[in-house]
Structure formats: structure tokens, C-alpha cells
N, C-alpha and C. Protein backbone atom coordinates (compact mmCIF):
# COMPACT_ATOMS: atom_id res chain seq x y z
N MET A 1 7.18 28.13 12.33
CA MET A 1 7.69 26.77 12.31
C MET A 1 8.98 26.75 11.50
N SER A 2 9.97 26.06 11.99
CA SER A 2 11.27 25.96 11.32
C SER A 2 11.24 24.88 10.24
N ASP A 3 12.02 25.09 9.19
CA ASP A 3 12.16 24.08 8.15
C ASP A 3 13.43 23.26 8.32
N SER A 4 14.08 23.37 9.44
CA SER A 4 15.33 22.67 9.68
C SER A 4 15.10 21.16 9.78
N LEU A 5 15.98 20.41 9.16
CA LEU A 5 15.88 18.95 9.26
C LEU A 5 16.05 18.48 10.69
N SER A 6 16.71 19.26 11.52
CA SER A 6 16.91 18.86 12.91
C SER A 6 15.60 18.89 13.69
N ASP A 7 14.55 19.51 13.13
CA ASP A 7 13.24 19.56 13.79
C ASP A 7 12.41 18.31 13.53
N HIS A 8 12.91 17.36 12.75
CA HIS A 8 12.14 16.20 12.33
C HIS A 8 12.65 14.92 12.99
N PRO A 9 11.79 13.91 13.03
CA PRO A 9 12.20 12.64 13.65
C PRO A 9 13.44 12.06 12.95
N VAL A 10 14.28 11.48 13.74
CA VAL A 10 15.48 10.85 13.21
C VAL A 10 15.42 9.38 13.61
N PHE A 11 15.70 8.51 12.67
CA PHE A 11 15.74 7.09 12.98
C PHE A 11 17.03 6.77 13.70
N ALA A 12 16.97 5.84 14.64
CA ALA A 12 18.12 5.52 15.47
C ALA A 12 19.21 4.77 14.72
N ASP A 13 18.86 4.01 13.72
CA ASP A 13 19.82 3.18 13.02
C ASP A 13 20.01 3.71 11.60
N MET A 14 20.94 3.10 10.88
CA MET A 14 21.22 3.55 9.52
C MET A 14 21.74 2.38 8.69
N SER A 15 21.29 2.30 7.44
CA SER A 15 21.80 1.30 6.51
C SER A 15 23.23 1.63 6.13
N THR A 16 23.94 0.60 5.73
CA THR A 16 25.25 0.80 5.12
C THR A 16 25.12 0.33 3.67
N PRO A 17 26.11 0.63 2.84
CA PRO A 17 26.02 0.18 1.44
C PRO A 17 25.88 -1.33 1.27
N THR A 18 26.29 -2.12 2.26
CA THR A 18 26.21 -3.58 2.15
C THR A 18 25.19 -4.22 3.09
N GLU A 19 24.62 -3.44 4.01
CA GLU A 19 23.64 -3.98 4.96
C GLU A 19 22.45 -3.04 5.11
N PRO A 20 21.41 -3.25 4.29
CA PRO A 20 20.23 -2.41 4.44
C PRO A 20 19.51 -2.71 5.75
N LYS A 21 18.94 -1.68 6.34
CA LYS A 21 18.17 -1.84 7.58
C LYS A 21 16.80 -1.20 7.38
N LEU A 22 15.82 -1.83 7.99
CA LEU A 22 14.44 -1.35 7.91
C LEU A 22 13.91 -1.07 9.30
N GLU A 23 13.01 -0.09 9.38
CA GLU A 23 12.31 0.16 10.65
C GLU A 23 10.82 0.26 10.36
N PHE A 24 10.02 -0.50 11.13
CA PHE A 24 8.57 -0.45 10.99
C PHE A 24 8.08 0.93 11.41
N CYS A 25 7.22 1.54 10.58
CA CYS A 25 6.70 2.88 10.86
C CYS A 25 5.20 2.87 11.15
N PHE A 26 4.41 2.16 10.32
CA PHE A 26 2.97 2.11 10.51
C PHE A 26 2.37 1.07 9.58
N SER A 27 1.13 0.71 9.85
CA SER A 27 0.37 -0.16 8.95
C SER A 27 -0.86 0.60 8.50
N ILE A 28 -1.31 0.28 7.30
CA ILE A 28 -2.54 0.85 6.78
C ILE A 28 -3.50 -0.29 6.46
N ARG A 29 -4.66 -0.24 7.09
CA ARG A 29 -5.75 -1.18 6.79
C ARG A 29 -6.71 -0.42 5.90
N VAL A 30 -6.79 -0.83 4.65
CA VAL A 30 -7.65 -0.14 3.69
C VAL A 30 -8.80 -1.06 3.29
N TYR A 31 -9.98 -0.48 3.22
CA TYR A 31 -11.18 -1.23 2.82
C TYR A 31 -11.57 -0.80 1.42
N PHE A 32 -11.83 -1.78 0.57
CA PHE A 32 -12.38 -1.50 -0.75
C PHE A 32 -13.25 -2.67 -1.17
N THR A 33 -14.50 -2.36 -1.47
CA THR A 33 -15.45 -3.40 -1.86
C THR A 33 -16.05 -3.13 -3.22
N ARG A 34 -15.90 -1.90 -3.72
CA ARG A 34 -16.47 -1.55 -5.03
C ARG A 34 -15.40 -1.74 -6.10
N VAL A 35 -15.75 -2.48 -7.15
CA VAL A 35 -14.78 -2.85 -8.18
C VAL A 35 -15.37 -2.62 -9.56
N ASN A 36 -14.55 -2.11 -10.47
CA ASN A 36 -14.87 -2.08 -11.90
C ASN A 36 -13.73 -2.75 -12.63
N MET A 37 -14.03 -3.36 -13.78
CA MET A 37 -13.00 -4.08 -14.53
C MET A 37 -13.14 -3.81 -16.02
N VAL A 38 -12.03 -3.46 -16.64
CA VAL A 38 -11.93 -3.40 -18.10
C VAL A 38 -11.16 -4.66 -18.47
N GLY A 39 -11.85 -5.66 -19.00
CA GLY A 39 -11.22 -6.94 -19.25
C GLY A 39 -10.87 -7.18 -20.69
N ASP A 40 -10.07 -8.19 -20.91
CA ASP A 40 -9.73 -8.68 -22.25
C ASP A 40 -9.31 -7.56 -23.20
N MET A 41 -8.35 -6.77 -22.75
CA MET A 41 -7.83 -5.69 -23.60
C MET A 41 -6.97 -6.28 -24.71
N PRO A 42 -6.76 -5.56 -25.81
CA PRO A 42 -5.94 -6.07 -26.91
C PRO A 42 -4.52 -6.48 -26.47
N SER A 43 -4.03 -5.89 -25.41
CA SER A 43 -2.69 -6.22 -24.90
C SER A 43 -2.65 -7.58 -24.22
N GLY A 44 -3.82 -8.15 -23.93
CA GLY A 44 -3.89 -9.40 -23.17
C GLY A 44 -4.05 -9.16 -21.69
N ALA A 45 -3.97 -7.89 -21.27
CA ALA A 45 -4.12 -7.54 -19.87
C ALA A 45 -5.56 -7.11 -19.59
N ALA A 46 -5.83 -6.85 -18.33
CA ALA A 46 -7.11 -6.27 -17.89
C ALA A 46 -6.78 -5.20 -16.87
N ARG A 47 -7.64 -4.22 -16.74
CA ARG A 47 -7.44 -3.14 -15.77
C ARG A 47 -8.59 -3.16 -14.78
N GLY A 48 -8.25 -3.22 -13.50
CA GLY A 48 -9.26 -3.19 -12.46
C GLY A 48 -9.16 -1.91 -11.66
N ALA A 49 -10.27 -1.45 -11.16
CA ALA A 49 -10.30 -0.31 -10.25
C ALA A 49 -11.04 -0.74 -9.00
N VAL A 50 -10.36 -0.69 -7.87
CA VAL A 50 -11.00 -0.93 -6.59
C VAL A 50 -10.98 0.40 -5.83
N TYR A 51 -12.16 0.87 -5.45
CA TYR A 51 -12.32 2.20 -4.87
C TYR A 51 -12.23 2.15 -3.35
N VAL A 52 -11.50 3.09 -2.79
CA VAL A 52 -11.24 3.12 -1.35
C VAL A 52 -12.50 3.52 -0.59
N ASP A 53 -12.89 2.68 0.36
CA ASP A 53 -14.05 2.92 1.20
C ASP A 53 -13.67 3.45 2.58
N GLY A 54 -12.38 3.53 2.89
CA GLY A 54 -11.91 4.01 4.19
C GLY A 54 -10.84 3.09 4.74
N GLY A 55 -10.43 3.36 5.97
CA GLY A 55 -9.42 2.53 6.60
C GLY A 55 -8.77 3.23 7.78
N THR A 56 -7.79 2.56 8.34
CA THR A 56 -7.10 3.07 9.53
C THR A 56 -5.59 2.99 9.34
N ILE A 57 -4.90 3.87 10.05
CA ILE A 57 -3.43 3.90 10.08
C ILE A 57 -3.02 3.74 11.53
N GLU A 58 -2.17 2.76 11.80
CA GLU A 58 -1.71 2.52 13.18
C GLU A 58 -0.22 2.25 13.17
N GLY A 59 0.49 2.85 14.10
CA GLY A 59 1.91 2.56 14.21
C GLY A 59 2.65 3.54 15.09
N PRO A 60 3.90 3.26 15.31
CA PRO A 60 4.69 4.12 16.21
C PRO A 60 5.03 5.48 15.61
N ARG A 61 4.97 5.63 14.29
CA ARG A 61 5.35 6.90 13.67
C ARG A 61 4.21 7.64 12.98
N LEU A 62 3.05 6.98 12.83
CA LEU A 62 1.91 7.64 12.20
C LEU A 62 0.63 6.91 12.58
N THR A 63 -0.40 7.68 12.95
CA THR A 63 -1.73 7.13 13.20
C THR A 63 -2.74 8.05 12.52
N GLY A 64 -3.87 7.47 12.16
CA GLY A 64 -4.90 8.27 11.52
C GLY A 64 -5.88 7.40 10.77
N SER A 65 -6.36 7.92 9.63
CA SER A 65 -7.38 7.20 8.86
C SER A 65 -7.16 7.38 7.36
N VAL A 66 -7.79 6.49 6.61
CA VAL A 66 -7.84 6.58 5.16
C VAL A 66 -9.17 7.23 4.83
N LEU A 67 -9.16 8.30 4.06
CA LEU A 67 -10.39 9.03 3.77
C LEU A 67 -11.23 8.27 2.74
N PRO A 68 -12.48 7.95 3.09
CA PRO A 68 -13.36 7.24 2.16
C PRO A 68 -13.57 8.06 0.88
N GLY A 69 -13.61 7.35 -0.24
CA GLY A 69 -13.88 7.99 -1.52
C GLY A 69 -12.74 8.84 -2.06
N SER A 70 -11.56 8.75 -1.45
CA SER A 70 -10.44 9.62 -1.84
C SER A 70 -9.55 9.04 -2.93
N GLY A 71 -9.85 7.85 -3.42
CA GLY A 71 -9.02 7.28 -4.47
C GLY A 71 -9.33 5.83 -4.74
N ALA A 72 -8.38 5.19 -5.43
CA ALA A 72 -8.57 3.81 -5.86
C ALA A 72 -7.22 3.18 -6.15
N ASP A 73 -7.24 1.87 -6.32
CA ASP A 73 -6.10 1.12 -6.84
C ASP A 73 -6.47 0.72 -8.26
N TRP A 74 -5.67 1.16 -9.22
CA TRP A 74 -5.91 0.90 -10.64
C TRP A 74 -4.98 -0.23 -11.08
N ALA A 75 -5.23 -1.44 -10.61
CA ALA A 75 -4.35 -2.58 -10.85
C ALA A 75 -4.42 -3.06 -12.30
N LEU A 76 -3.25 -3.37 -12.83
CA LEU A 76 -3.14 -3.96 -14.16
C LEU A 76 -2.95 -5.46 -13.98
N PHE A 77 -3.92 -6.23 -14.49
CA PHE A 77 -3.83 -7.70 -14.45
C PHE A 77 -3.07 -8.14 -15.69
N ARG A 78 -1.79 -8.43 -15.52
CA ARG A 78 -0.94 -8.75 -16.66
C ARG A 78 -1.17 -10.19 -17.13
N PRO A 79 -0.87 -10.47 -18.41
CA PRO A 79 -1.05 -11.83 -18.93
C PRO A 79 -0.17 -12.88 -18.25
N ASP A 80 0.91 -12.44 -17.59
CA ASP A 80 1.79 -13.39 -16.90
C ASP A 80 1.31 -13.74 -15.50
N GLY A 81 0.10 -13.27 -15.11
CA GLY A 81 -0.46 -13.60 -13.80
C GLY A 81 -0.07 -12.64 -12.69
N VAL A 82 0.63 -11.58 -13.02
CA VAL A 82 1.05 -10.58 -12.03
C VAL A 82 0.06 -9.41 -12.05
N LEU A 83 -0.33 -8.95 -10.87
CA LEU A 83 -1.09 -7.71 -10.74
C LEU A 83 -0.09 -6.61 -10.42
N ALA A 84 -0.02 -5.61 -11.28
CA ALA A 84 0.81 -4.43 -11.02
C ALA A 84 -0.11 -3.38 -10.42
N THR A 85 0.07 -3.10 -9.14
CA THR A 85 -0.81 -2.18 -8.44
C THR A 85 -0.37 -0.74 -8.65
N ASP A 86 -1.33 0.16 -8.65
CA ASP A 86 -1.07 1.59 -8.80
C ASP A 86 -2.19 2.34 -8.07
N ALA A 87 -1.98 2.58 -6.78
CA ALA A 87 -3.01 3.15 -5.93
C ALA A 87 -2.67 4.59 -5.53
N ARG A 88 -3.69 5.42 -5.50
CA ARG A 88 -3.58 6.78 -4.97
C ARG A 88 -4.80 7.05 -4.13
N TYR A 89 -4.54 7.46 -2.89
CA TYR A 89 -5.64 7.86 -2.02
C TYR A 89 -5.11 8.73 -0.90
N MET A 90 -6.03 9.36 -0.19
CA MET A 90 -5.69 10.35 0.82
C MET A 90 -5.75 9.75 2.22
N LEU A 91 -4.70 10.07 2.98
CA LEU A 91 -4.64 9.71 4.39
C LEU A 91 -4.88 10.98 5.21
N GLN A 92 -5.35 10.80 6.43
CA GLN A 92 -5.45 11.92 7.36
C GLN A 92 -4.86 11.50 8.69
N ALA A 93 -3.77 12.18 9.09
CA ALA A 93 -3.14 11.89 10.37
C ALA A 93 -4.07 12.32 11.50
N ASP A 94 -3.87 11.78 12.68
CA ASP A 94 -4.71 12.12 13.82
C ASP A 94 -4.72 13.61 14.13
N ASP A 95 -3.68 14.32 13.75
CA ASP A 95 -3.64 15.77 13.99
C ASP A 95 -4.32 16.57 12.87
N GLY A 96 -4.93 15.88 11.89
CA GLY A 96 -5.65 16.54 10.82
C GLY A 96 -4.86 16.73 9.54
N ALA A 97 -3.56 16.50 9.56
CA ALA A 97 -2.74 16.67 8.36
C ALA A 97 -3.17 15.69 7.27
N LEU A 98 -3.29 16.22 6.04
CA LEU A 98 -3.62 15.38 4.89
C LEU A 98 -2.35 14.91 4.21
N ILE A 99 -2.34 13.65 3.82
CA ILE A 99 -1.16 13.02 3.22
C ILE A 99 -1.64 12.23 2.00
N LEU A 100 -1.11 12.56 0.83
CA LEU A 100 -1.44 11.79 -0.37
C LEU A 100 -0.48 10.62 -0.48
N LEU A 101 -1.01 9.43 -0.62
CA LEU A 101 -0.24 8.21 -0.79
C LEU A 101 -0.33 7.78 -2.25
N HIS A 102 0.82 7.53 -2.88
CA HIS A 102 0.87 6.91 -4.21
C HIS A 102 1.67 5.63 -4.03
N ASN A 103 1.00 4.53 -4.19
CA ASN A 103 1.57 3.22 -3.89
C ASN A 103 1.61 2.37 -5.15
N ARG A 104 2.80 1.93 -5.52
CA ARG A 104 2.92 1.02 -6.66
C ARG A 104 3.58 -0.26 -6.17
N GLY A 105 3.17 -1.36 -6.75
CA GLY A 105 3.75 -2.62 -6.32
C GLY A 105 3.26 -3.79 -7.15
N TYR A 106 3.41 -4.99 -6.56
CA TYR A 106 3.09 -6.22 -7.27
C TYR A 106 2.40 -7.20 -6.35
N LEU A 107 1.46 -7.93 -6.93
CA LEU A 107 0.82 -9.07 -6.27
C LEU A 107 0.88 -10.23 -7.25
N TRP A 108 1.46 -11.34 -6.80
CA TRP A 108 1.51 -12.55 -7.64
C TRP A 108 1.56 -13.77 -6.75
N GLY A 109 1.13 -14.90 -7.31
CA GLY A 109 1.10 -16.15 -6.57
C GLY A 109 2.39 -16.93 -6.73
N ARG A 110 2.75 -17.62 -5.68
CA ARG A 110 3.98 -18.43 -5.74
C ARG A 110 3.80 -19.70 -6.56
N THR A 111 2.53 -20.07 -6.84
CA THR A 111 2.21 -21.15 -7.76
C THR A 111 1.07 -20.65 -8.66
N PRO A 112 0.89 -21.24 -9.85
CA PRO A 112 -0.10 -20.72 -10.81
C PRO A 112 -1.55 -20.70 -10.31
N ASP A 113 -1.90 -21.53 -9.33
CA ASP A 113 -3.28 -21.58 -8.85
C ASP A 113 -3.63 -20.51 -7.82
N VAL A 114 -2.64 -19.75 -7.34
CA VAL A 114 -2.87 -18.82 -6.23
C VAL A 114 -3.76 -17.64 -6.63
N ILE A 115 -3.47 -16.97 -7.73
CA ILE A 115 -4.26 -15.79 -8.10
C ILE A 115 -5.72 -16.18 -8.37
N PRO A 116 -6.00 -17.26 -9.11
CA PRO A 116 -7.42 -17.65 -9.24
C PRO A 116 -8.08 -17.95 -7.89
N ARG A 117 -7.35 -18.58 -6.96
CA ARG A 117 -7.92 -18.83 -5.63
C ARG A 117 -8.12 -17.52 -4.87
N MET A 118 -7.20 -16.58 -5.05
CA MET A 118 -7.33 -15.28 -4.39
C MET A 118 -8.54 -14.52 -4.95
N GLN A 119 -8.76 -14.58 -6.26
CA GLN A 119 -9.93 -13.94 -6.85
C GLN A 119 -11.22 -14.60 -6.35
N ASP A 120 -11.20 -15.91 -6.19
CA ASP A 120 -12.34 -16.62 -5.64
C ASP A 120 -12.62 -16.15 -4.21
N PHE A 121 -11.56 -15.97 -3.43
CA PHE A 121 -11.67 -15.48 -2.05
C PHE A 121 -12.22 -14.05 -2.03
N MET A 122 -11.68 -13.18 -2.87
CA MET A 122 -12.05 -11.77 -2.84
C MET A 122 -13.45 -11.51 -3.40
N PHE A 123 -13.86 -12.24 -4.43
CA PHE A 123 -15.08 -11.90 -5.15
C PHE A 123 -16.22 -12.91 -5.05
N ARG A 124 -15.91 -14.14 -4.59
CA ARG A 124 -16.95 -15.16 -4.60
C ARG A 124 -17.09 -15.92 -3.28
N GLY A 125 -16.48 -15.39 -2.21
CA GLY A 125 -16.65 -16.01 -0.90
C GLY A 125 -15.85 -17.27 -0.68
N GLY A 126 -14.81 -17.50 -1.50
CA GLY A 126 -13.97 -18.67 -1.33
C GLY A 126 -13.11 -18.58 -0.08
N PRO A 127 -12.36 -19.63 0.21
CA PRO A 127 -11.51 -19.63 1.42
C PRO A 127 -10.33 -18.67 1.28
N PRO A 128 -9.86 -18.12 2.40
CA PRO A 128 -8.70 -17.23 2.38
C PRO A 128 -7.45 -17.94 1.85
N VAL A 129 -6.55 -17.16 1.29
CA VAL A 129 -5.28 -17.67 0.79
C VAL A 129 -4.19 -17.22 1.77
N PRO A 130 -3.45 -18.16 2.37
CA PRO A 130 -2.40 -17.78 3.33
C PRO A 130 -1.36 -16.86 2.69
N HIS A 131 -0.88 -15.88 3.45
CA HIS A 131 0.05 -14.89 2.90
C HIS A 131 1.35 -15.51 2.40
N ARG A 132 1.73 -16.64 2.91
CA ARG A 132 2.98 -17.28 2.45
C ARG A 132 2.88 -17.77 1.01
N GLU A 133 1.62 -17.82 0.46
CA GLU A 133 1.43 -18.32 -0.89
C GLU A 133 1.46 -17.20 -1.94
N PHE A 134 1.55 -15.95 -1.51
CA PHE A 134 1.58 -14.87 -2.49
C PHE A 134 2.58 -13.79 -2.07
N TYR A 135 2.93 -12.99 -3.04
CA TYR A 135 3.85 -11.87 -2.86
C TYR A 135 3.04 -10.59 -3.07
N LEU A 136 2.91 -9.78 -2.01
CA LEU A 136 2.24 -8.48 -2.10
C LEU A 136 3.19 -7.46 -1.48
N ARG A 137 3.85 -6.71 -2.36
CA ARG A 137 4.84 -5.72 -1.93
C ARG A 137 4.54 -4.41 -2.63
N SER A 138 4.91 -3.32 -1.97
CA SER A 138 4.67 -2.01 -2.56
C SER A 138 5.80 -1.05 -2.23
N SER A 139 5.83 0.01 -3.01
CA SER A 139 6.82 1.08 -2.83
C SER A 139 6.08 2.41 -2.88
N PRO A 140 5.74 2.96 -1.72
CA PRO A 140 4.95 4.18 -1.70
C PRO A 140 5.80 5.45 -1.75
N VAL A 141 5.17 6.52 -2.22
CA VAL A 141 5.71 7.87 -2.04
C VAL A 141 4.56 8.70 -1.46
N PHE A 142 4.93 9.73 -0.73
CA PHE A 142 3.96 10.54 -0.02
C PHE A 142 4.11 12.01 -0.39
N GLU A 143 2.99 12.72 -0.38
CA GLU A 143 2.98 14.17 -0.52
C GLU A 143 2.25 14.73 0.69
N VAL A 144 2.88 15.71 1.34
CA VAL A 144 2.32 16.30 2.55
C VAL A 144 2.87 17.72 2.69
N ALA A 145 2.11 18.57 3.36
CA ALA A 145 2.56 19.95 3.60
C ALA A 145 3.78 19.96 4.53
N LYS A 146 4.54 21.03 4.47
CA LYS A 146 5.66 21.20 5.40
C LYS A 146 5.16 21.06 6.82
N GLY A 147 5.98 20.44 7.65
CA GLY A 147 5.60 20.31 9.04
C GLY A 147 5.93 18.95 9.61
N LYS A 148 5.16 18.56 10.59
CA LYS A 148 5.40 17.37 11.40
C LYS A 148 5.57 16.08 10.60
N HIS A 149 4.85 15.96 9.47
CA HIS A 149 4.84 14.69 8.74
C HIS A 149 5.67 14.70 7.45
N ASP A 150 6.39 15.78 7.19
CA ASP A 150 7.12 15.82 5.92
C ASP A 150 8.35 14.92 5.90
N TRP A 151 8.65 14.27 7.01
CA TRP A 151 9.69 13.23 7.01
C TRP A 151 9.31 12.11 6.04
N LEU A 152 8.01 11.94 5.78
CA LEU A 152 7.55 10.92 4.84
C LEU A 152 8.07 11.18 3.42
N THR A 153 8.40 12.43 3.12
CA THR A 153 8.85 12.80 1.77
C THR A 153 10.36 12.67 1.60
N ARG A 154 11.06 12.26 2.65
CA ARG A 154 12.52 12.16 2.58
C ARG A 154 13.06 10.75 2.81
N HIS A 155 12.19 9.78 2.84
CA HIS A 155 12.62 8.40 3.08
C HIS A 155 12.05 7.48 2.01
N VAL A 156 12.77 6.41 1.78
CA VAL A 156 12.27 5.33 0.92
C VAL A 156 11.56 4.34 1.84
N PHE A 157 10.41 3.88 1.40
CA PHE A 157 9.62 2.93 2.17
C PHE A 157 9.35 1.69 1.34
N VAL A 158 9.19 0.57 2.02
CA VAL A 158 8.69 -0.65 1.39
C VAL A 158 7.49 -1.11 2.20
N GLY A 159 6.51 -1.65 1.49
CA GLY A 159 5.32 -2.17 2.13
C GLY A 159 5.20 -3.65 1.89
N ILE A 160 4.78 -4.37 2.92
CA ILE A 160 4.55 -5.81 2.83
C ILE A 160 3.11 -6.05 3.23
N GLY A 161 2.33 -6.65 2.30
CA GLY A 161 0.89 -6.71 2.50
C GLY A 161 0.31 -8.08 2.69
N ASP A 162 -0.91 -8.05 3.21
CA ASP A 162 -1.74 -9.24 3.36
C ASP A 162 -3.12 -8.87 2.81
N ARG A 163 -3.76 -9.80 2.14
CA ARG A 163 -5.02 -9.54 1.43
C ARG A 163 -6.19 -10.12 2.20
N TYR A 164 -7.27 -9.36 2.25
CA TYR A 164 -8.51 -9.78 2.88
C TYR A 164 -9.63 -9.64 1.87
N ALA A 165 -10.77 -10.22 2.14
CA ALA A 165 -11.88 -10.18 1.20
C ALA A 165 -12.35 -8.74 0.94
N ASP A 166 -12.22 -7.87 1.93
CA ASP A 166 -12.71 -6.50 1.82
C ASP A 166 -11.59 -5.46 1.74
N GLY A 167 -10.37 -5.87 1.45
CA GLY A 167 -9.26 -4.93 1.37
C GLY A 167 -7.94 -5.58 1.72
N ASN A 168 -7.04 -4.78 2.28
CA ASN A 168 -5.76 -5.33 2.68
C ASN A 168 -5.16 -4.55 3.83
N ILE A 169 -4.09 -5.11 4.38
CA ILE A 169 -3.25 -4.43 5.36
C ILE A 169 -1.85 -4.44 4.79
N ILE A 170 -1.25 -3.27 4.74
CA ILE A 170 0.15 -3.17 4.32
C ILE A 170 0.92 -2.54 5.47
N ARG A 171 2.00 -3.22 5.85
CA ARG A 171 2.91 -2.72 6.89
C ARG A 171 4.05 -2.02 6.18
N TYR A 172 4.31 -0.77 6.58
CA TYR A 172 5.32 0.06 5.91
C TYR A 172 6.57 0.18 6.78
N PHE A 173 7.69 -0.02 6.10
CA PHE A 173 9.01 0.05 6.73
C PHE A 173 9.85 1.10 6.02
N ALA A 174 10.52 1.94 6.80
CA ALA A 174 11.46 2.90 6.21
C ALA A 174 12.78 2.19 5.98
N VAL A 175 13.40 2.46 4.85
CA VAL A 175 14.76 1.99 4.59
C VAL A 175 15.66 3.03 5.23
N LEU A 176 16.41 2.60 6.22
CA LEU A 176 17.23 3.56 6.99
C LEU A 176 18.53 3.89 6.28
């Protein structure tokens, strides 16, 4: 197998210094229902761990699954109402390639009542919170063996997410 960059997928468009461009690559639907919480820390924050139960990857540039039990999101619940996410878990492409995802980002409500309503939705069966009421964004990096999927290690990605009671869906876009 060649290590030439010409052997890898090339995006059709390109950002300029004044006009960034994005291309949708794939979405990840991750399920997590098991939670642990270290609350009321001296810093005023709390640390939550939501453990990955599995999931799916669908899109024009990558398909596969999220391996159950392969990681967690270690979110920091900050005193200012922002959740700073820090997730690591393993993906498996349809061809069997393993890909480590390290995803960092933020979840916060556009008004002060959103995060409490979201926690009610996630943990106590409350009504869903429309995505327009919260900000869920991430910046992933990937580790993968040389080959078909190592293009993931040469691009900057942004993720835009939606929250569900049993997990989330994040749509990933490459910055061209």
C-alpha cells in the first residue's frame, strides 16, 4: 500500500483565508445510558461520566459502528452552566478499521432554564428540548492506522449535535 497523499480522498472545494467552507462527512449516533457523577467539587464544578453503549456511523465518507464499552464522555459541569465535553471512544468502519475518536466541545443553553430542562429530559423523563435552544458543538481528532481512513488525521472537523434521552447525534463536517 502506498503512503502517497494522492492515494487518499480529496475534497472538491477549498476554504480561503476569508471564506471557510465545510463539507458534511458523516454522523455518529452514540448511545449512553449509564452515568456516574462526582458532584459538588471544591471548584464549584461537577464531573460526569456517561459510558458508551454503542452506536452507528452513517455518511458519504464513513460508515460503521461505535464499539460498546469502548469509552465515555467525561463532561465537566462548570459553575457557569456550561458542560465542557471530553469524550474518547472507539469507532469501527464497515471495513473493520478501528478509529479512536477524541471529541471535545461544549453544551450550553441559550437561556438559563435550558440545561435544567435538558437534565430533566435526559434523566427524569421530561419533555425533549428543541435543538435551537442549546449549543452542542465539538472538535474531534482521530487516530487510525495508515490506509483508507487516515484522511481523518489530516483534516480539521467540527461537529454539530442534537441531544436525545439515550445519547446524541453529532454531524461532522470537514473544514476544507
